[in-house]
């Protein structure tokens, strides 16, 4: 996932779209221009959203998760009740 994020965030979107459209047929992937645009923009936006969510998770104080563990919450409960709710506020 790190390679995906780095490649799509570090190259210009126009270069990515050209590569999908013109280099794809040499690998046996022939797509129409509209399909290339939708898939390319989706992958480009997905890399940025993944980075936004990653930074949201990293911005949470560690004490919140430690306190949830001490209260006896399971991993899924910590993720849903502690991390996701606070991360959503930070990301927005």
N, C-alpha and C. Protein backbone atom coordinates (compact mmCIF):
# COMPACT_ATOMS: atom_id res chain seq x y z
N UNK A 1 0.82 -1.19 0.00
CA UNK A 1 0.00 0.00 0.00
C UNK A 1 0.87 1.26 0.00
N UNK A 2 2.03 1.18 0.64
CA UNK A 2 2.91 2.35 0.66
C UNK A 2 3.40 2.65 -0.75
N UNK A 3 3.74 1.63 -1.52
CA UNK A 3 4.21 1.86 -2.89
C UNK A 3 3.10 2.47 -3.74
N UNK A 4 1.88 1.96 -3.59
CA UNK A 4 0.74 2.51 -4.33
C UNK A 4 0.56 3.99 -4.03
N UNK A 5 0.57 4.33 -2.75
CA UNK A 5 0.36 5.72 -2.34
C UNK A 5 1.48 6.61 -2.86
N UNK A 6 2.72 6.14 -2.72
CA UNK A 6 3.85 6.96 -3.15
C UNK A 6 3.87 7.17 -4.67
N UNK A 7 3.58 6.12 -5.43
CA UNK A 7 3.60 6.25 -6.89
C UNK A 7 2.51 7.20 -7.37
N UNK A 8 1.30 7.04 -6.84
CA UNK A 8 0.19 7.85 -7.33
C UNK A 8 0.23 9.28 -6.80
N UNK A 9 0.84 9.51 -5.66
CA UNK A 9 0.93 10.88 -5.15
C UNK A 9 2.12 11.63 -5.75
N UNK A 10 3.15 10.91 -6.16
CA UNK A 10 4.38 11.56 -6.63
C UNK A 10 4.44 11.79 -8.13
N UNK A 11 3.49 11.26 -8.88
CA UNK A 11 3.49 11.49 -10.32
C UNK A 11 2.27 12.33 -10.70
N UNK A 12 2.42 13.20 -11.68
CA UNK A 12 1.29 14.03 -12.10
C UNK A 12 0.16 13.19 -12.69
N UNK A 13 -1.07 13.63 -12.49
CA UNK A 13 -2.24 12.88 -12.94
C UNK A 13 -2.27 12.73 -14.45
N UNK A 14 -1.83 13.73 -15.17
CA UNK A 14 -1.85 13.65 -16.64
C UNK A 14 -0.89 12.57 -17.13
N UNK A 15 0.26 12.45 -16.51
CA UNK A 15 1.22 11.40 -16.87
C UNK A 15 0.61 10.03 -16.60
N UNK A 16 -0.06 9.88 -15.46
CA UNK A 16 -0.70 8.60 -15.13
C UNK A 16 -1.76 8.24 -16.15
N UNK A 17 -2.59 9.21 -16.53
CA UNK A 17 -3.63 8.93 -17.51
C UNK A 17 -3.05 8.57 -18.87
N UNK A 18 -1.99 9.26 -19.29
CA UNK A 18 -1.33 8.91 -20.55
C UNK A 18 -0.76 7.50 -20.49
N UNK A 19 -0.14 7.14 -19.37
CA UNK A 19 0.41 5.80 -19.24
C UNK A 19 -0.68 4.74 -19.29
N UNK A 20 -1.80 4.97 -18.61
CA UNK A 20 -2.90 4.01 -18.65
C UNK A 20 -3.44 3.86 -20.07
N UNK A 21 -3.56 4.96 -20.78
CA UNK A 21 -4.20 4.93 -22.10
C UNK A 21 -3.27 4.41 -23.19
N UNK A 22 -2.01 4.89 -23.19
CA UNK A 22 -1.10 4.55 -24.29
C UNK A 22 -0.21 3.34 -24.01
N UNK A 23 0.14 3.09 -22.76
CA UNK A 23 1.02 1.97 -22.44
C UNK A 23 0.21 0.73 -22.10
N UNK A 24 -1.03 0.91 -21.66
CA UNK A 24 -1.89 -0.23 -21.32
C UNK A 24 -2.03 -1.27 -22.42
N UNK A 25 -2.25 -0.86 -23.70
CA UNK A 25 -2.38 -1.87 -24.76
C UNK A 25 -1.14 -2.74 -24.95
N UNK A 26 0.04 -2.25 -24.64
CA UNK A 26 1.24 -3.09 -24.77
C UNK A 26 1.26 -4.21 -23.73
N UNK A 27 0.46 -4.06 -22.66
CA UNK A 27 0.31 -5.12 -21.64
C UNK A 27 -0.99 -5.89 -21.83
N UNK A 28 -1.70 -5.62 -22.91
CA UNK A 28 -2.93 -6.33 -23.20
C UNK A 28 -4.16 -5.71 -22.56
N UNK A 29 -4.06 -4.50 -22.03
CA UNK A 29 -5.20 -3.83 -21.40
C UNK A 29 -5.63 -2.68 -22.29
N UNK A 30 -6.71 -2.88 -23.05
CA UNK A 30 -7.22 -1.85 -23.93
C UNK A 30 -8.50 -1.28 -23.33
N UNK A 31 -8.48 0.00 -23.01
CA UNK A 31 -9.63 0.66 -22.40
C UNK A 31 -10.00 1.90 -23.20
N UNK A 32 -11.26 2.28 -23.12
CA UNK A 32 -11.70 3.53 -23.75
C UNK A 32 -11.21 4.71 -22.92
N UNK A 33 -11.21 5.88 -23.53
CA UNK A 33 -10.70 7.08 -22.86
C UNK A 33 -11.51 7.42 -21.62
N UNK A 34 -12.83 7.26 -21.68
CA UNK A 34 -13.67 7.56 -20.52
C UNK A 34 -13.37 6.62 -19.37
N UNK A 35 -13.19 5.35 -19.67
CA UNK A 35 -12.89 4.36 -18.64
C UNK A 35 -11.53 4.64 -18.01
N UNK A 36 -10.55 4.99 -18.84
CA UNK A 36 -9.23 5.33 -18.32
C UNK A 36 -9.31 6.55 -17.41
N UNK A 37 -10.10 7.53 -17.80
CA UNK A 37 -10.26 8.73 -16.98
C UNK A 37 -10.88 8.43 -15.63
N UNK A 38 -11.93 7.62 -15.63
CA UNK A 38 -12.61 7.29 -14.37
C UNK A 38 -11.71 6.46 -13.47
N UNK A 39 -11.09 5.42 -14.03
CA UNK A 39 -10.22 4.56 -13.23
C UNK A 39 -8.99 5.33 -12.76
N UNK A 40 -8.40 6.12 -13.64
CA UNK A 40 -7.21 6.88 -13.27
C UNK A 40 -7.48 7.90 -12.18
N UNK A 41 -8.56 8.65 -12.32
CA UNK A 41 -8.90 9.63 -11.29
C UNK A 41 -9.30 8.95 -9.97
N UNK A 42 -9.94 7.79 -10.08
CA UNK A 42 -10.29 7.05 -8.87
C UNK A 42 -9.07 6.56 -8.12
N UNK A 43 -8.10 6.05 -8.84
CA UNK A 43 -6.87 5.57 -8.19
C UNK A 43 -6.06 6.73 -7.63
N UNK A 44 -6.03 7.83 -8.36
CA UNK A 44 -5.31 9.02 -7.91
C UNK A 44 -5.96 9.58 -6.64
N UNK A 45 -7.28 9.71 -6.64
CA UNK A 45 -7.99 10.19 -5.46
C UNK A 45 -7.90 9.23 -4.30
N UNK A 46 -7.92 7.92 -4.60
CA UNK A 46 -7.80 6.92 -3.55
C UNK A 46 -6.49 7.01 -2.80
N UNK A 47 -5.42 7.32 -3.51
CA UNK A 47 -4.12 7.48 -2.84
C UNK A 47 -4.13 8.67 -1.89
N UNK A 48 -4.74 9.76 -2.30
CA UNK A 48 -4.82 10.93 -1.43
C UNK A 48 -5.72 10.68 -0.23
N UNK A 49 -6.84 10.00 -0.43
CA UNK A 49 -7.73 9.70 0.69
C UNK A 49 -7.07 8.73 1.66
N UNK A 50 -6.32 7.76 1.15
CA UNK A 50 -5.61 6.83 2.03
C UNK A 50 -4.61 7.58 2.90
N UNK A 51 -3.94 8.55 2.33
CA UNK A 51 -2.98 9.35 3.11
C UNK A 51 -3.69 10.22 4.14
N UNK A 52 -4.84 10.74 3.80
CA UNK A 52 -5.60 11.56 4.75
C UNK A 52 -6.05 10.71 5.93
N UNK A 53 -6.56 9.50 5.65
CA UNK A 53 -7.00 8.64 6.74
C UNK A 53 -5.83 8.14 7.58
N UNK A 54 -4.69 7.86 6.95
CA UNK A 54 -3.51 7.43 7.70
C UNK A 54 -3.06 8.52 8.67
N UNK A 55 -3.04 9.75 8.19
CA UNK A 55 -2.62 10.84 9.06
C UNK A 55 -3.64 11.08 10.17
N UNK A 56 -4.92 10.82 9.90
CA UNK A 56 -5.95 10.93 10.93
C UNK A 56 -5.74 9.92 12.04
N UNK A 57 -5.39 8.68 11.67
CA UNK A 57 -5.12 7.66 12.68
C UNK A 57 -3.86 7.99 13.49
N UNK A 58 -2.84 8.52 12.82
CA UNK A 58 -1.60 8.83 13.53
C UNK A 58 -1.75 10.05 14.44
N UNK A 59 -2.74 10.89 14.19
CA UNK A 59 -2.93 12.09 15.00
C UNK A 59 -3.60 11.80 16.34
N UNK A 60 -4.15 10.60 16.49
CA UNK A 60 -4.80 10.25 17.76
C UNK A 60 -3.78 10.08 18.86
N UNK A 61 -4.06 10.61 20.05
CA UNK A 61 -3.13 10.41 21.17
C UNK A 61 -3.08 8.94 21.57
N UNK A 62 -1.90 8.44 21.86
CA UNK A 62 -1.73 7.04 22.25
C UNK A 62 -2.42 6.73 23.57
N UNK A 63 -2.57 7.73 24.40
CA UNK A 63 -3.22 7.53 25.69
C UNK A 63 -4.67 7.09 25.56
N UNK A 64 -5.33 7.49 24.47
CA UNK A 64 -6.71 7.10 24.24
C UNK A 64 -6.82 5.58 24.05
N UNK A 65 -5.94 5.02 23.25
CA UNK A 65 -5.96 3.59 22.98
C UNK A 65 -5.53 2.81 24.23
N UNK A 66 -4.54 3.31 24.94
CA UNK A 66 -4.09 2.65 26.17
C UNK A 66 -5.19 2.63 27.21
N UNK A 67 -5.92 3.72 27.33
CA UNK A 67 -7.03 3.78 28.28
C UNK A 67 -8.14 2.80 27.88
N UNK A 68 -8.40 2.66 26.60
CA UNK A 68 -9.42 1.72 26.13
C UNK A 68 -9.00 0.28 26.42
N UNK A 69 -7.70 -0.02 26.27
CA UNK A 69 -7.21 -1.37 26.60
C UNK A 69 -7.35 -1.65 28.09
N UNK A 70 -7.05 -0.65 28.91
CA UNK A 70 -7.17 -0.84 30.36
C UNK A 70 -8.62 -1.03 30.79
N UNK A 71 -9.55 -0.48 30.03
CA UNK A 71 -10.96 -0.68 30.33
C UNK A 71 -11.45 -2.05 29.89
N UNK A 72 -10.62 -2.80 29.16
CA UNK A 72 -10.98 -4.14 28.74
C UNK A 72 -11.69 -4.23 27.42
N UNK A 73 -11.61 -3.19 26.60
CA UNK A 73 -12.24 -3.22 25.28
C UNK A 73 -11.45 -4.13 24.34
N UNK A 74 -12.16 -4.81 23.45
CA UNK A 74 -11.49 -5.66 22.46
C UNK A 74 -10.89 -4.78 21.35
N UNK A 75 -10.12 -5.41 20.47
CA UNK A 75 -9.51 -4.66 19.37
C UNK A 75 -10.54 -4.01 18.46
N UNK A 76 -11.61 -4.76 18.16
CA UNK A 76 -12.66 -4.21 17.30
C UNK A 76 -13.40 -3.07 17.99
N UNK A 77 -13.63 -3.20 19.29
CA UNK A 77 -14.30 -2.13 20.02
C UNK A 77 -13.42 -0.89 20.09
N UNK A 78 -12.14 -1.07 20.26
CA UNK A 78 -11.21 0.07 20.29
C UNK A 78 -11.23 0.77 18.93
N UNK A 79 -11.17 -0.04 17.85
CA UNK A 79 -11.16 0.56 16.52
C UNK A 79 -12.44 1.35 16.26
N UNK A 80 -13.59 0.75 16.56
CA UNK A 80 -14.86 1.40 16.23
C UNK A 80 -15.22 2.52 17.20
N UNK A 81 -15.12 2.28 18.49
CA UNK A 81 -15.61 3.24 19.49
C UNK A 81 -14.62 4.33 19.84
N UNK A 82 -13.35 4.07 19.66
CA UNK A 82 -12.34 5.07 20.06
C UNK A 82 -11.68 5.69 18.84
N UNK A 83 -11.03 4.86 18.02
CA UNK A 83 -10.24 5.38 16.91
C UNK A 83 -11.08 6.00 15.80
N UNK A 84 -12.11 5.26 15.33
CA UNK A 84 -12.87 5.75 14.18
C UNK A 84 -13.63 7.03 14.48
N UNK A 85 -14.18 7.13 15.65
CA UNK A 85 -14.96 8.33 15.98
C UNK A 85 -14.07 9.57 16.11
N UNK A 86 -12.93 9.42 16.74
CA UNK A 86 -12.03 10.57 16.86
C UNK A 86 -11.35 10.88 15.55
N UNK A 87 -11.01 9.83 14.78
CA UNK A 87 -10.34 10.04 13.50
C UNK A 87 -11.28 10.75 12.53
N UNK A 88 -12.56 10.43 12.54
CA UNK A 88 -13.51 11.07 11.63
C UNK A 88 -13.57 12.56 11.86
N UNK A 89 -13.53 12.97 13.11
CA UNK A 89 -13.55 14.40 13.42
C UNK A 89 -12.27 15.07 12.93
N UNK A 90 -11.14 14.42 13.14
CA UNK A 90 -9.87 15.00 12.71
C UNK A 90 -9.77 15.09 11.18
N UNK A 91 -10.25 14.08 10.50
CA UNK A 91 -10.15 14.05 9.03
C UNK A 91 -11.06 15.10 8.41
N UNK A 92 -12.25 15.25 8.95
CA UNK A 92 -13.15 16.24 8.39
C UNK A 92 -12.65 17.64 8.67
